[in-house]
């Protein structure tokens, strides 16, 4: 399943988002780079630059694109905030919603515009990706512990699925296919929920002005 792009709509048909050139998201040089990608703007594959975005063929970091280039031919979805635990669990796919509350629009835009000028650190498909950027802009929340997954619901879902397959001792307690499916589904839901930015305990509200300082320290 490809990673869906996430960004902050800032008006007048423009979106601020966090990206890395296609094929370099994990910096691993392996097949993982081909499976987990954040697509570059659509015009980046054309000879003629977009009249609104300019030449973004070498786009990297926090950039501002027109909505058409940001979508790259895909569909537009609205990420939902402050959803109930029941609603969150009903959304089987990660990267669609969170229980965390969004801040007022002026704060969200301030963060996005500040990071457009000052950057959001280095791109990492699991720890610091486009969804992490968008969620930070909306909530101001950052993970403050040094663990493998950031705020991204999509990355958390990947780890939750893997955990459901290989980590549950309960899978040996039932021989039926239905029982295995039920146990696996339960493990997936629990793992994804406890990784949500709105419920986990290793997050803190961080002023956007400190992001550059934190990136230099890493």
N, C-alpha and C. Protein backbone atom coordinates (compact mmCIF):
# COMPACT_ATOMS: atom_id res chain seq x y z
N UNK A 1 0.85 -1.19 0.00
CA UNK A 1 0.00 0.00 0.00
C UNK A 1 0.88 1.23 0.00
N UNK A 2 0.74 2.13 -0.97
CA UNK A 2 1.57 3.31 -1.02
C UNK A 2 1.24 4.30 0.08
N UNK A 3 2.23 5.08 0.45
CA UNK A 3 2.03 6.11 1.46
C UNK A 3 1.28 7.28 0.84
N UNK A 4 0.22 7.75 1.53
CA UNK A 4 -0.55 8.89 1.06
C UNK A 4 0.11 10.19 1.51
N UNK A 5 0.16 11.16 0.61
CA UNK A 5 0.73 12.45 0.95
C UNK A 5 -0.19 13.23 1.87
N UNK A 6 0.40 13.95 2.82
CA UNK A 6 -0.36 14.80 3.74
C UNK A 6 0.24 16.19 3.70
N UNK A 7 -0.61 17.20 3.84
CA UNK A 7 -0.13 18.57 3.80
C UNK A 7 -1.11 19.52 4.46
N UNK A 8 -0.75 20.80 4.49
CA UNK A 8 -1.58 21.85 5.09
C UNK A 8 -2.04 22.80 3.99
N UNK A 9 -3.35 22.87 3.78
CA UNK A 9 -3.90 23.80 2.79
C UNK A 9 -3.86 25.21 3.37
N UNK A 10 -3.24 26.14 2.65
CA UNK A 10 -3.04 27.49 3.18
C UNK A 10 -3.85 28.54 2.42
N UNK A 11 -4.75 28.09 1.54
CA UNK A 11 -5.59 29.01 0.80
C UNK A 11 -5.08 29.30 -0.60
N UNK A 12 -5.95 29.84 -1.43
CA UNK A 12 -5.63 30.22 -2.81
C UNK A 12 -5.06 29.05 -3.61
N UNK A 13 -5.55 27.86 -3.30
CA UNK A 13 -5.16 26.68 -4.06
C UNK A 13 -3.75 26.18 -3.81
N UNK A 14 -3.15 26.54 -2.66
CA UNK A 14 -1.77 26.15 -2.35
C UNK A 14 -1.70 25.27 -1.11
N UNK A 15 -0.74 24.36 -1.11
CA UNK A 15 -0.55 23.40 -0.02
C UNK A 15 0.92 23.40 0.40
N UNK A 16 1.16 23.51 1.70
CA UNK A 16 2.52 23.37 2.24
C UNK A 16 2.66 21.94 2.73
N UNK A 17 3.72 21.27 2.30
CA UNK A 17 3.92 19.87 2.69
C UNK A 17 5.40 19.55 2.77
N UNK A 18 5.69 18.39 3.32
CA UNK A 18 7.05 17.95 3.60
C UNK A 18 7.36 16.76 2.70
N UNK A 19 8.44 16.85 1.92
CA UNK A 19 8.71 15.80 0.95
C UNK A 19 10.20 15.52 0.83
N UNK A 20 10.48 14.42 0.20
CA UNK A 20 11.84 14.07 -0.17
C UNK A 20 11.80 13.52 -1.58
N UNK A 21 12.82 13.77 -2.35
CA UNK A 21 12.81 13.32 -3.73
C UNK A 21 12.48 11.84 -3.82
N UNK A 22 11.64 11.48 -4.78
CA UNK A 22 11.18 10.10 -4.94
C UNK A 22 12.35 9.14 -5.01
N UNK A 23 12.22 8.02 -4.27
CA UNK A 23 13.28 7.02 -4.26
C UNK A 23 14.32 7.23 -3.19
N UNK A 24 14.18 8.31 -2.39
CA UNK A 24 15.19 8.60 -1.38
C UNK A 24 14.59 8.75 0.01
N UNK A 25 13.34 8.31 0.20
CA UNK A 25 12.66 8.57 1.46
C UNK A 25 13.30 7.90 2.66
N UNK A 26 13.79 6.67 2.48
CA UNK A 26 14.38 5.97 3.61
C UNK A 26 15.89 6.10 3.66
N UNK A 27 16.47 6.68 2.61
CA UNK A 27 17.91 6.84 2.50
C UNK A 27 18.64 5.49 2.58
N UNK A 28 17.93 4.41 2.27
CA UNK A 28 18.54 3.10 2.43
C UNK A 28 19.14 2.56 1.14
N UNK A 29 18.66 3.06 -0.01
CA UNK A 29 19.13 2.54 -1.27
C UNK A 29 18.65 1.14 -1.54
N UNK A 30 17.58 0.70 -0.85
CA UNK A 30 17.06 -0.64 -1.00
C UNK A 30 15.68 -0.60 -1.63
N UNK A 31 15.06 -1.77 -1.77
CA UNK A 31 13.72 -1.84 -2.37
C UNK A 31 12.70 -1.10 -1.52
N UNK A 32 12.98 -0.88 -0.24
CA UNK A 32 12.07 -0.13 0.62
C UNK A 32 11.82 1.26 0.07
N UNK A 33 12.82 1.84 -0.59
CA UNK A 33 12.65 3.16 -1.19
C UNK A 33 11.60 3.13 -2.29
N UNK A 34 11.43 1.98 -2.94
CA UNK A 34 10.47 1.88 -4.03
C UNK A 34 9.05 1.66 -3.51
N UNK A 35 8.93 1.05 -2.33
CA UNK A 35 7.63 0.73 -1.78
C UNK A 35 7.03 1.88 -0.98
N UNK A 36 7.87 2.61 -0.26
CA UNK A 36 7.40 3.68 0.61
C UNK A 36 7.90 5.01 0.08
N UNK A 37 7.08 5.67 -0.70
CA UNK A 37 7.53 6.90 -1.34
C UNK A 37 6.56 8.03 -1.10
N UNK A 38 7.07 9.24 -1.04
CA UNK A 38 6.22 10.42 -1.06
C UNK A 38 6.39 11.04 -2.44
N UNK A 39 5.36 10.94 -3.25
CA UNK A 39 5.48 11.33 -4.64
C UNK A 39 5.84 12.79 -4.80
N UNK A 40 6.76 13.11 -5.71
CA UNK A 40 7.07 14.50 -5.99
C UNK A 40 5.91 15.13 -6.71
N UNK A 41 5.83 16.46 -6.77
CA UNK A 41 4.76 17.11 -7.49
C UNK A 41 4.66 16.58 -8.91
N UNK A 42 3.41 16.51 -9.43
CA UNK A 42 3.15 15.95 -10.74
C UNK A 42 4.01 16.58 -11.82
N UNK A 43 4.17 17.89 -11.78
CA UNK A 43 4.94 18.59 -12.82
C UNK A 43 6.43 18.28 -12.75
N UNK A 44 6.86 17.67 -11.62
CA UNK A 44 8.28 17.35 -11.49
C UNK A 44 8.70 16.30 -12.51
N UNK A 45 7.72 15.56 -13.06
CA UNK A 45 8.04 14.56 -14.06
C UNK A 45 7.89 15.10 -15.48
N UNK A 46 7.47 16.35 -15.61
CA UNK A 46 7.28 16.95 -16.92
C UNK A 46 8.45 17.88 -17.25
N UNK A 47 8.62 18.14 -18.55
CA UNK A 47 9.67 19.05 -18.98
C UNK A 47 9.30 20.50 -18.69
N UNK A 48 7.99 20.81 -18.71
CA UNK A 48 7.53 22.17 -18.49
C UNK A 48 7.16 22.38 -17.03
N UNK A 49 7.81 23.31 -16.32
CA UNK A 49 7.48 23.56 -14.91
C UNK A 49 6.04 24.05 -14.77
N UNK A 50 5.46 23.79 -13.63
CA UNK A 50 4.11 24.28 -13.35
C UNK A 50 4.13 25.81 -13.30
N UNK A 51 3.19 26.49 -13.94
CA UNK A 51 3.18 27.96 -13.92
C UNK A 51 2.95 28.55 -12.53
N UNK A 52 2.39 27.77 -11.60
CA UNK A 52 2.14 28.26 -10.26
C UNK A 52 3.24 27.85 -9.28
N UNK A 53 3.74 26.62 -9.42
CA UNK A 53 4.74 26.09 -8.47
C UNK A 53 6.17 26.35 -8.91
N UNK A 54 6.37 26.51 -10.22
CA UNK A 54 7.73 26.63 -10.73
C UNK A 54 8.35 25.26 -10.92
N UNK A 55 9.67 25.20 -10.98
CA UNK A 55 10.39 23.95 -11.20
C UNK A 55 10.64 23.26 -9.86
N UNK A 56 9.91 22.18 -9.60
CA UNK A 56 10.06 21.43 -8.35
C UNK A 56 10.61 20.04 -8.60
N UNK A 57 11.33 19.87 -9.69
CA UNK A 57 11.87 18.57 -10.05
C UNK A 57 12.84 18.05 -8.99
N UNK A 58 13.48 18.96 -8.26
CA UNK A 58 14.42 18.56 -7.22
C UNK A 58 13.90 18.95 -5.83
N UNK A 59 12.58 18.90 -5.71
CA UNK A 59 11.96 19.31 -4.45
C UNK A 59 12.43 18.45 -3.29
N UNK A 60 12.71 19.12 -2.18
CA UNK A 60 13.18 18.43 -0.99
C UNK A 60 12.85 19.28 0.22
N UNK A 61 12.41 18.65 1.32
CA UNK A 61 12.09 19.40 2.52
C UNK A 61 10.67 19.95 2.50
N UNK A 62 10.45 21.06 3.20
CA UNK A 62 9.14 21.69 3.26
C UNK A 62 8.98 22.61 2.05
N UNK A 63 7.96 22.35 1.24
CA UNK A 63 7.75 23.13 0.02
C UNK A 63 6.28 23.54 -0.07
N UNK A 64 6.00 24.45 -0.99
CA UNK A 64 4.63 24.91 -1.23
C UNK A 64 4.28 24.59 -2.68
N UNK A 65 3.23 23.81 -2.87
CA UNK A 65 2.80 23.40 -4.20
C UNK A 65 1.35 23.79 -4.43
N UNK A 66 0.96 23.92 -5.69
CA UNK A 66 -0.46 24.10 -5.98
C UNK A 66 -1.17 22.78 -5.71
N UNK A 67 -2.47 22.83 -5.52
CA UNK A 67 -3.23 21.64 -5.15
C UNK A 67 -3.12 20.55 -6.20
N UNK A 68 -3.13 20.91 -7.48
CA UNK A 68 -3.05 19.91 -8.55
C UNK A 68 -1.72 19.16 -8.50
N UNK A 69 -0.62 19.88 -8.31
CA UNK A 69 0.69 19.22 -8.24
C UNK A 69 0.81 18.39 -6.97
N UNK A 70 0.25 18.89 -5.88
CA UNK A 70 0.30 18.15 -4.62
C UNK A 70 -0.42 16.81 -4.74
N UNK A 71 -1.60 16.82 -5.35
CA UNK A 71 -2.38 15.59 -5.49
C UNK A 71 -1.76 14.62 -6.50
N UNK A 72 -1.02 15.15 -7.46
CA UNK A 72 -0.36 14.31 -8.47
C UNK A 72 -1.33 13.33 -9.11
N UNK A 73 -2.53 13.79 -9.39
CA UNK A 73 -3.51 12.93 -10.03
C UNK A 73 -4.31 12.06 -9.08
N UNK A 74 -4.02 12.11 -7.78
CA UNK A 74 -4.76 11.31 -6.80
C UNK A 74 -6.00 12.03 -6.29
N UNK A 75 -6.68 11.39 -5.35
CA UNK A 75 -7.89 11.96 -4.78
C UNK A 75 -7.58 12.78 -3.52
N UNK A 76 -8.47 13.69 -3.19
CA UNK A 76 -8.31 14.55 -2.02
C UNK A 76 -9.13 14.00 -0.86
N UNK A 77 -8.48 13.80 0.30
CA UNK A 77 -9.16 13.32 1.49
C UNK A 77 -8.89 14.28 2.65
N UNK A 78 -9.87 14.40 3.54
CA UNK A 78 -9.74 15.27 4.71
C UNK A 78 -9.36 14.42 5.92
N UNK A 79 -8.20 14.72 6.49
CA UNK A 79 -7.74 14.05 7.71
C UNK A 79 -8.57 14.59 8.87
N UNK A 80 -9.09 13.72 9.72
CA UNK A 80 -9.99 14.13 10.80
C UNK A 80 -9.28 14.14 12.15
N UNK A 81 -9.58 15.18 12.95
CA UNK A 81 -9.00 15.33 14.28
C UNK A 81 -10.09 15.23 15.35
N UNK A 82 -9.66 15.00 16.58
CA UNK A 82 -10.53 14.89 17.76
C UNK A 82 -11.66 13.87 17.56
N UNK A 83 -11.36 12.75 16.92
CA UNK A 83 -12.38 11.72 16.76
C UNK A 83 -12.45 10.88 18.03
N UNK A 84 -13.55 10.19 18.22
CA UNK A 84 -13.71 9.33 19.39
C UNK A 84 -12.90 8.05 19.22
N UNK A 85 -12.55 7.37 20.33
CA UNK A 85 -11.82 6.10 20.22
C UNK A 85 -12.55 5.08 19.35
N UNK A 86 -13.87 5.03 19.45
CA UNK A 86 -14.65 4.08 18.65
C UNK A 86 -14.52 4.39 17.17
N UNK A 87 -14.59 5.67 16.83
CA UNK A 87 -14.46 6.07 15.42
C UNK A 87 -13.06 5.77 14.92
N UNK A 88 -12.04 6.04 15.74
CA UNK A 88 -10.67 5.77 15.36
C UNK A 88 -10.46 4.29 15.05
N UNK A 89 -10.96 3.42 15.92
CA UNK A 89 -10.79 1.99 15.74
C UNK A 89 -11.58 1.46 14.55
N UNK A 90 -12.68 2.15 14.21
CA UNK A 90 -13.49 1.73 13.07
C UNK A 90 -12.78 2.00 11.75
N UNK A 91 -11.82 2.94 11.76
CA UNK A 91 -11.04 3.23 10.57
C UNK A 91 -9.86 2.27 10.52
N UNK A 92 -10.02 1.20 9.79
CA UNK A 92 -8.99 0.16 9.78
C UNK A 92 -7.68 0.65 9.20
N UNK A 93 -7.73 1.57 8.25
CA UNK A 93 -6.51 2.07 7.63
C UNK A 93 -5.96 3.24 8.44
N UNK A 94 -4.66 3.23 8.69
CA UNK A 94 -4.02 4.33 9.40
C UNK A 94 -3.86 5.54 8.51
N UNK A 95 -3.56 6.68 9.13
CA UNK A 95 -3.33 7.89 8.36
C UNK A 95 -4.58 8.59 7.88
N UNK A 96 -5.72 8.35 8.57
CA UNK A 96 -6.98 8.98 8.18
C UNK A 96 -7.55 9.87 9.27
N UNK A 97 -7.17 9.63 10.53
CA UNK A 97 -7.74 10.39 11.63
C UNK A 97 -6.89 10.22 12.88
N UNK A 98 -7.18 11.04 13.90
CA UNK A 98 -6.51 10.95 15.19
C UNK A 98 -7.44 11.43 16.28
N UNK A 99 -7.20 10.97 17.49
CA UNK A 99 -7.99 11.45 18.63
C UNK A 99 -7.48 12.80 19.14
N UNK A 100 -6.33 13.24 18.67
CA UNK A 100 -5.76 14.53 19.11
C UNK A 100 -6.59 15.69 18.57
N UNK A 101 -6.59 16.78 19.31
CA UNK A 101 -7.35 17.97 18.92
C UNK A 101 -6.49 18.90 18.06
N UNK A 102 -7.12 19.50 17.07
CA UNK A 102 -6.43 20.48 16.23
C UNK A 102 -6.46 21.85 16.89
N UNK A 103 -5.38 22.61 16.73
CA UNK A 103 -5.32 23.97 17.23
C UNK A 103 -6.06 24.92 16.29
N UNK A 104 -6.30 26.16 16.71
CA UNK A 104 -6.96 27.14 15.85
C UNK A 104 -6.19 27.36 14.54
N UNK A 105 -6.91 27.77 13.51
CA UNK A 105 -6.35 27.92 12.17
C UNK A 105 -5.14 28.83 12.13
N UNK A 106 -5.17 29.95 12.87
CA UNK A 106 -4.05 30.89 12.81
C UNK A 106 -2.77 30.26 13.35
N UNK A 107 -2.87 29.40 14.37
CA UNK A 107 -1.69 28.72 14.90
C UNK A 107 -1.17 27.69 13.90
N UNK A 108 -2.09 26.98 13.25
CA UNK A 108 -1.70 25.98 12.26
C UNK A 108 -0.95 26.63 11.10
N UNK A 109 -1.49 27.74 10.60
CA UNK A 109 -0.86 28.43 9.48
C UNK A 109 0.50 29.01 9.89
N UNK A 110 0.59 29.51 11.11
CA UNK A 110 1.87 30.06 11.58
C UNK A 110 2.94 28.98 11.57
N UNK A 111 2.61 27.81 12.08
CA UNK A 111 3.59 26.71 12.09
C UNK A 111 3.99 26.32 10.66
N UNK A 112 3.01 26.16 9.80
CA UNK A 112 3.30 25.73 8.43
C UNK A 112 4.18 26.75 7.71
N UNK A 113 3.87 28.03 7.83
CA UNK A 113 4.64 29.07 7.15
C UNK A 113 6.04 29.20 7.75
N UNK A 114 6.14 29.05 9.07
CA UNK A 114 7.46 29.12 9.71
C UNK A 114 8.34 27.97 9.23
N UNK A 115 7.78 26.77 9.17
CA UNK A 115 8.56 25.61 8.75
C UNK A 115 8.89 25.65 7.26
N UNK A 116 8.06 26.33 6.48
CA UNK A 116 8.37 26.52 5.06
C UNK A 116 9.67 27.31 4.92
N UNK A 117 9.89 28.26 5.81
CA UNK A 117 11.09 29.09 5.76
C UNK A 117 12.28 28.44 6.48
N UNK A 118 12.01 27.63 7.50
CA UNK A 118 13.09 27.15 8.37
C UNK A 118 13.31 25.64 8.35
N UNK A 119 12.43 24.89 7.69
CA UNK A 119 12.62 23.46 7.58
C UNK A 119 12.04 22.67 8.74
N UNK A 120 11.98 21.34 8.54
CA UNK A 120 11.39 20.44 9.52
C UNK A 120 12.33 19.26 9.80
N UNK A 121 13.63 19.50 9.67
CA UNK A 121 14.58 18.43 9.88
C UNK A 121 14.69 17.52 8.67
N UNK A 122 15.34 16.38 8.85
CA UNK A 122 15.53 15.44 7.77
C UNK A 122 14.35 14.50 7.61
N UNK A 123 14.02 14.20 6.36
CA UNK A 123 12.90 13.31 6.09
C UNK A 123 13.27 11.87 6.47
N UNK A 124 12.32 11.19 7.15
CA UNK A 124 12.48 9.77 7.47
C UNK A 124 11.10 9.13 7.37
N UNK A 125 10.99 8.05 6.61
CA UNK A 125 9.69 7.48 6.31
C UNK A 125 8.94 7.02 7.55
N UNK A 126 9.62 6.62 8.61
CA UNK A 126 8.95 6.17 9.83
C UNK A 126 8.95 7.21 10.94
N UNK A 127 9.99 8.00 11.06
CA UNK A 127 10.11 8.92 12.19
C UNK A 127 9.70 10.35 11.89
N UNK A 128 9.82 10.77 10.64
CA UNK A 128 9.61 12.19 10.33
C UNK A 128 9.18 12.34 8.88
N UNK A 129 7.92 12.02 8.59
CA UNK A 129 7.44 12.04 7.22
C UNK A 129 6.39 13.13 7.01
N UNK A 130 5.73 13.11 5.85
CA UNK A 130 4.79 14.17 5.52
C UNK A 130 3.60 14.21 6.47
N UNK A 131 3.14 13.05 6.94
CA UNK A 131 2.04 13.03 7.89
C UNK A 131 2.48 13.57 9.25
N UNK A 132 3.70 13.25 9.66
CA UNK A 132 4.24 13.81 10.90
C UNK A 132 4.25 15.34 10.84
N UNK A 133 4.65 15.87 9.68
CA UNK A 133 4.69 17.32 9.48
C UNK A 133 3.29 17.92 9.62
N UNK A 134 2.32 17.34 8.92
CA UNK A 134 0.96 17.88 8.93
C UNK A 134 0.35 17.80 10.33
N UNK A 135 0.56 16.67 11.02
CA UNK A 135 0.01 16.52 12.37
C UNK A 135 0.66 17.52 13.33
N UNK A 136 1.98 17.75 13.18
CA UNK A 136 2.61 18.74 14.05
C UNK A 136 2.02 20.13 13.80
N UNK A 137 1.87 20.49 12.53
CA UNK A 137 1.31 21.81 12.21
C UNK A 137 -0.09 21.97 12.83
N UNK A 138 -0.86 20.92 12.81
CA UNK A 138 -2.23 20.99 13.31
C UNK A 138 -2.31 20.95 14.84
N UNK A 139 -1.40 20.24 15.49
CA UNK A 139 -1.52 20.03 16.94
C UNK A 139 -0.39 20.62 17.76
N UNK A 140 0.78 20.82 17.16
CA UNK A 140 1.94 21.29 17.91
C UNK A 140 2.58 20.21 18.73
N UNK A 141 2.18 18.95 18.53
CA UNK A 141 2.69 17.84 19.33
C UNK A 141 3.86 17.15 18.66
N UNK A 142 4.89 16.85 19.45
CA UNK A 142 6.05 16.11 18.98
C UNK A 142 6.33 14.93 19.92
N UNK A 143 6.81 13.84 19.35
CA UNK A 143 7.25 12.71 20.17
C UNK A 143 8.59 13.07 20.79
N UNK A 144 8.70 12.96 22.10
CA UNK A 144 9.90 13.41 22.80
C UNK A 144 10.81 12.25 23.23
N UNK A 145 10.40 11.01 22.93
CA UNK A 145 11.25 9.86 23.24
C UNK A 145 11.91 9.36 21.96
N UNK A 146 13.03 8.70 22.11
CA UNK A 146 13.78 8.21 20.96
C UNK A 146 13.33 6.79 20.61
N UNK A 147 12.16 6.71 19.94
CA UNK A 147 11.64 5.42 19.52
C UNK A 147 11.51 5.38 18.01
N UNK A 148 11.09 4.24 17.48
CA UNK A 148 11.17 4.03 16.03
C UNK A 148 10.05 4.68 15.23
N UNK A 149 8.94 5.04 15.86
CA UNK A 149 7.81 5.58 15.12
C UNK A 149 7.46 6.96 15.63
N UNK A 150 7.22 7.90 14.70
CA UNK A 150 6.84 9.25 15.06
C UNK A 150 5.34 9.38 15.24
N UNK A 151 4.77 10.46 14.72
CA UNK A 151 3.35 10.72 14.90
C UNK A 151 2.50 10.13 13.80
N UNK A 152 3.10 9.62 12.73
CA UNK A 152 2.37 9.16 11.56
C UNK A 152 1.50 7.95 11.82
N UNK A 153 0.21 8.07 11.50
CA UNK A 153 -0.70 6.95 11.64
C UNK A 153 -0.42 5.86 10.63
N UNK A 154 0.08 6.24 9.45
CA UNK A 154 0.39 5.24 8.44
C UNK A 154 1.57 4.36 8.87
N UNK A 155 2.61 5.00 9.42
CA UNK A 155 3.75 4.24 9.90
C UNK A 155 3.35 3.36 11.08
N UNK A 156 2.51 3.90 11.97
CA UNK A 156 2.06 3.12 13.12
C UNK A 156 1.26 1.90 12.67
N UNK A 157 0.48 2.05 11.60
CA UNK A 157 -0.30 0.93 11.09
C UNK A 157 0.60 -0.17 10.54
N UNK A 158 1.69 0.22 9.89
CA UNK A 158 2.64 -0.78 9.38
C UNK A 158 3.22 -1.60 10.52
N UNK A 159 3.61 -0.91 11.60
CA UNK A 159 4.17 -1.61 12.74
C UNK A 159 3.11 -2.43 13.47
N UNK A 160 1.87 -1.91 13.52
CA UNK A 160 0.79 -2.64 14.18
C UNK A 160 0.48 -3.93 13.43
N UNK A 161 0.47 -3.86 12.10
CA UNK A 161 0.21 -5.06 11.31
C UNK A 161 1.29 -6.10 11.51
N UNK A 162 2.55 -5.65 11.53
CA UNK A 162 3.66 -6.58 11.75
C UNK A 162 3.58 -7.20 13.14
N UNK A 163 3.21 -6.38 14.12
CA UNK A 163 3.09 -6.87 15.49
C UNK A 163 1.99 -7.92 15.60
N UNK A 164 0.88 -7.69 14.90
CA UNK A 164 -0.23 -8.63 14.95
C UNK A 164 0.14 -9.98 14.36
N UNK A 165 1.05 -9.97 13.40
CA UNK A 165 1.44 -11.21 12.72
C UNK A 165 2.48 -11.99 13.52
N UNK A 166 3.51 -11.29 14.04
CA UNK A 166 4.66 -12.02 14.60
C UNK A 166 4.81 -11.93 16.11
N UNK A 167 4.09 -11.03 16.78
CA UNK A 167 4.38 -10.78 18.19
C UNK A 167 3.36 -11.34 19.16
N UNK A 168 2.22 -11.78 18.70
CA UNK A 168 1.17 -12.19 19.63
C UNK A 168 1.25 -13.66 20.01
N UNK A 169 1.49 -13.96 21.28
CA UNK A 169 1.48 -15.36 21.71
C UNK A 169 0.09 -15.96 21.66
N UNK A 170 -0.95 -15.10 21.58
CA UNK A 170 -2.32 -15.59 21.56
C UNK A 170 -2.65 -16.33 20.28
N UNK A 171 -1.85 -16.12 19.23
CA UNK A 171 -2.15 -16.77 17.96
C UNK A 171 -1.98 -18.29 18.05
N UNK A 172 -1.26 -18.75 19.06
CA UNK A 172 -1.06 -20.18 19.22
C UNK A 172 -2.18 -20.82 20.05
N UNK A 173 -3.10 -20.01 20.57
CA UNK A 173 -4.12 -20.52 21.47
C UNK A 173 -5.40 -20.91 20.75
N UNK A 174 -5.45 -20.73 19.44
CA UNK A 174 -6.61 -21.13 18.67
C UNK A 174 -6.17 -21.72 17.37
N UNK A 175 -6.86 -22.77 16.95
CA UNK A 175 -6.50 -23.46 15.72
C UNK A 175 -7.37 -23.07 14.55
N UNK A 176 -8.50 -22.43 14.82
CA UNK A 176 -9.42 -22.10 13.74
C UNK A 176 -8.98 -20.83 13.02
N UNK A 177 -9.31 -20.78 11.74
CA UNK A 177 -8.97 -19.60 10.95
C UNK A 177 -9.68 -18.37 11.48
N UNK A 178 -10.96 -18.54 11.86
CA UNK A 178 -11.72 -17.42 12.40
C UNK A 178 -11.12 -16.89 13.68
N UNK A 179 -10.65 -17.81 14.53
CA UNK A 179 -10.03 -17.39 15.78
C UNK A 179 -8.74 -16.65 15.55
N UNK A 180 -7.93 -17.14 14.62
CA UNK A 180 -6.67 -16.47 14.29
C UNK A 180 -6.93 -15.07 13.75
N UNK A 181 -7.94 -14.94 12.88
CA UNK A 181 -8.27 -13.64 12.30
C UNK A 181 -8.73 -12.66 13.38
N UNK A 182 -9.53 -13.17 14.32
CA UNK A 182 -10.04 -12.31 15.39
C UNK A 182 -8.91 -11.83 16.30
N UNK A 183 -8.01 -12.74 16.66
CA UNK A 183 -6.88 -12.37 17.50
C UNK A 183 -5.99 -11.37 16.79
N UNK A 184 -5.69 -11.63 15.52
CA UNK A 184 -4.84 -10.73 14.75
C UNK A 184 -5.45 -9.35 14.61
N UNK A 185 -6.76 -9.30 14.35
CA UNK A 185 -7.45 -8.01 14.22
C UNK A 185 -7.42 -7.24 15.53
N UNK A 186 -7.63 -7.96 16.64
CA UNK A 186 -7.60 -7.30 17.95
C UNK A 186 -6.24 -6.73 18.27
N UNK A 187 -5.19 -7.50 17.99
CA UNK A 187 -3.83 -7.01 18.23
C UNK A 187 -3.51 -5.80 17.37
N UNK A 188 -3.95 -5.84 16.12
CA UNK A 188 -3.72 -4.71 15.20
C UNK A 188 -4.40 -3.45 15.73
N UNK A 189 -5.66 -3.57 16.13
CA UNK A 189 -6.41 -2.40 16.60
C UNK A 189 -5.80 -1.80 17.86
N UNK A 190 -5.45 -2.67 18.81
CA UNK A 190 -4.87 -2.18 20.07
C UNK A 190 -3.54 -1.49 19.82
N UNK A 191 -2.69 -2.12 19.01
CA UNK A 191 -1.36 -1.55 18.73
C UNK A 191 -1.48 -0.22 18.01
N UNK A 192 -2.41 -0.12 17.07
CA UNK A 192 -2.58 1.14 16.34
C UNK A 192 -3.12 2.23 17.24
N UNK A 193 -4.04 1.88 18.13
CA UNK A 193 -4.65 2.87 19.01
C UNK A 193 -3.65 3.45 20.01
N UNK A 194 -2.85 2.58 20.63
CA UNK A 194 -1.89 3.08 21.63
C UNK A 194 -0.77 3.88 20.99
N UNK A 195 -0.62 3.78 19.66
CA UNK A 195 0.39 4.57 18.96
C UNK A 195 -0.13 5.92 18.50
N UNK A 196 -1.44 6.15 18.67
CA UNK A 196 -2.04 7.40 18.20
C UNK A 196 -1.51 8.58 19.01
N UNK A 197 -1.24 9.68 18.33
CA UNK A 197 -0.68 10.86 18.95
C UNK A 197 -1.57 11.42 20.06
N UNK A 198 -2.87 11.14 19.98
CA UNK A 198 -3.80 11.70 20.96
C UNK A 198 -3.85 10.95 22.27
N UNK A 199 -3.28 9.74 22.33
CA UNK A 199 -3.37 8.95 23.56
C UNK A 199 -2.01 8.57 24.13
N UNK A 200 -0.97 8.57 23.31
CA UNK A 200 0.33 8.14 23.81
C UNK A 200 0.91 9.16 24.78
N UNK A 201 1.74 8.70 25.71
CA UNK A 201 2.22 9.58 26.77
C UNK A 201 3.58 10.19 26.52
N UNK A 202 4.20 9.88 25.39
CA UNK A 202 5.56 10.39 25.14
C UNK A 202 5.56 11.56 24.17
N UNK A 203 4.53 12.40 24.24
CA UNK A 203 4.47 13.57 23.37
C UNK A 203 4.40 14.84 24.20
N UNK A 204 4.79 15.94 23.60
CA UNK A 204 4.76 17.23 24.28
C UNK A 204 4.45 18.33 23.28
N UNK A 205 3.87 19.40 23.77
CA UNK A 205 3.59 20.57 22.93
C UNK A 205 4.90 21.35 22.78
N UNK A 206 5.36 21.50 21.55
CA UNK A 206 6.64 22.14 21.30
C UNK A 206 6.44 23.37 20.41
N UNK A 207 6.90 24.55 20.84
CA UNK A 207 6.79 25.75 20.00
C UNK A 207 7.53 25.56 18.68
N UNK A 208 6.97 26.06 17.61
CA UNK A 208 7.56 25.85 16.29
C UNK A 208 8.94 26.48 16.18
N UNK A 209 9.19 27.52 16.95
CA UNK A 209 10.49 28.18 16.90
C UNK A 209 11.63 27.27 17.40
N UNK A 210 11.28 26.22 18.14
CA UNK A 210 12.30 25.31 18.67
C UNK A 210 12.62 24.16 17.72
N UNK A 211 11.84 24.03 16.65
CA UNK A 211 12.03 22.90 15.74
C UNK A 211 13.42 22.93 15.10
N UNK A 212 13.85 24.09 14.65
CA UNK A 212 15.17 24.20 14.02
C UNK A 212 16.28 23.85 15.00
N UNK A 213 16.14 24.28 16.26
CA UNK A 213 17.14 23.95 17.27
C UNK A 213 17.21 22.45 17.51
N UNK A 214 16.05 21.82 17.56
CA UNK A 214 15.99 20.38 17.81
C UNK A 214 16.60 19.61 16.64
N UNK A 215 16.36 20.09 15.42
CA UNK A 215 16.91 19.42 14.24
C UNK A 215 18.44 19.47 14.23
N UNK A 216 19.01 20.60 14.68
CA UNK A 216 20.46 20.73 14.71
C UNK A 216 21.09 19.82 15.76
N UNK A 217 20.33 19.53 16.83
CA UNK A 217 20.84 18.70 17.90
C UNK A 217 20.84 17.23 17.54
N UNK A 218 20.01 16.84 16.55
CA UNK A 218 19.90 15.44 16.17
C UNK A 218 21.12 14.98 15.36
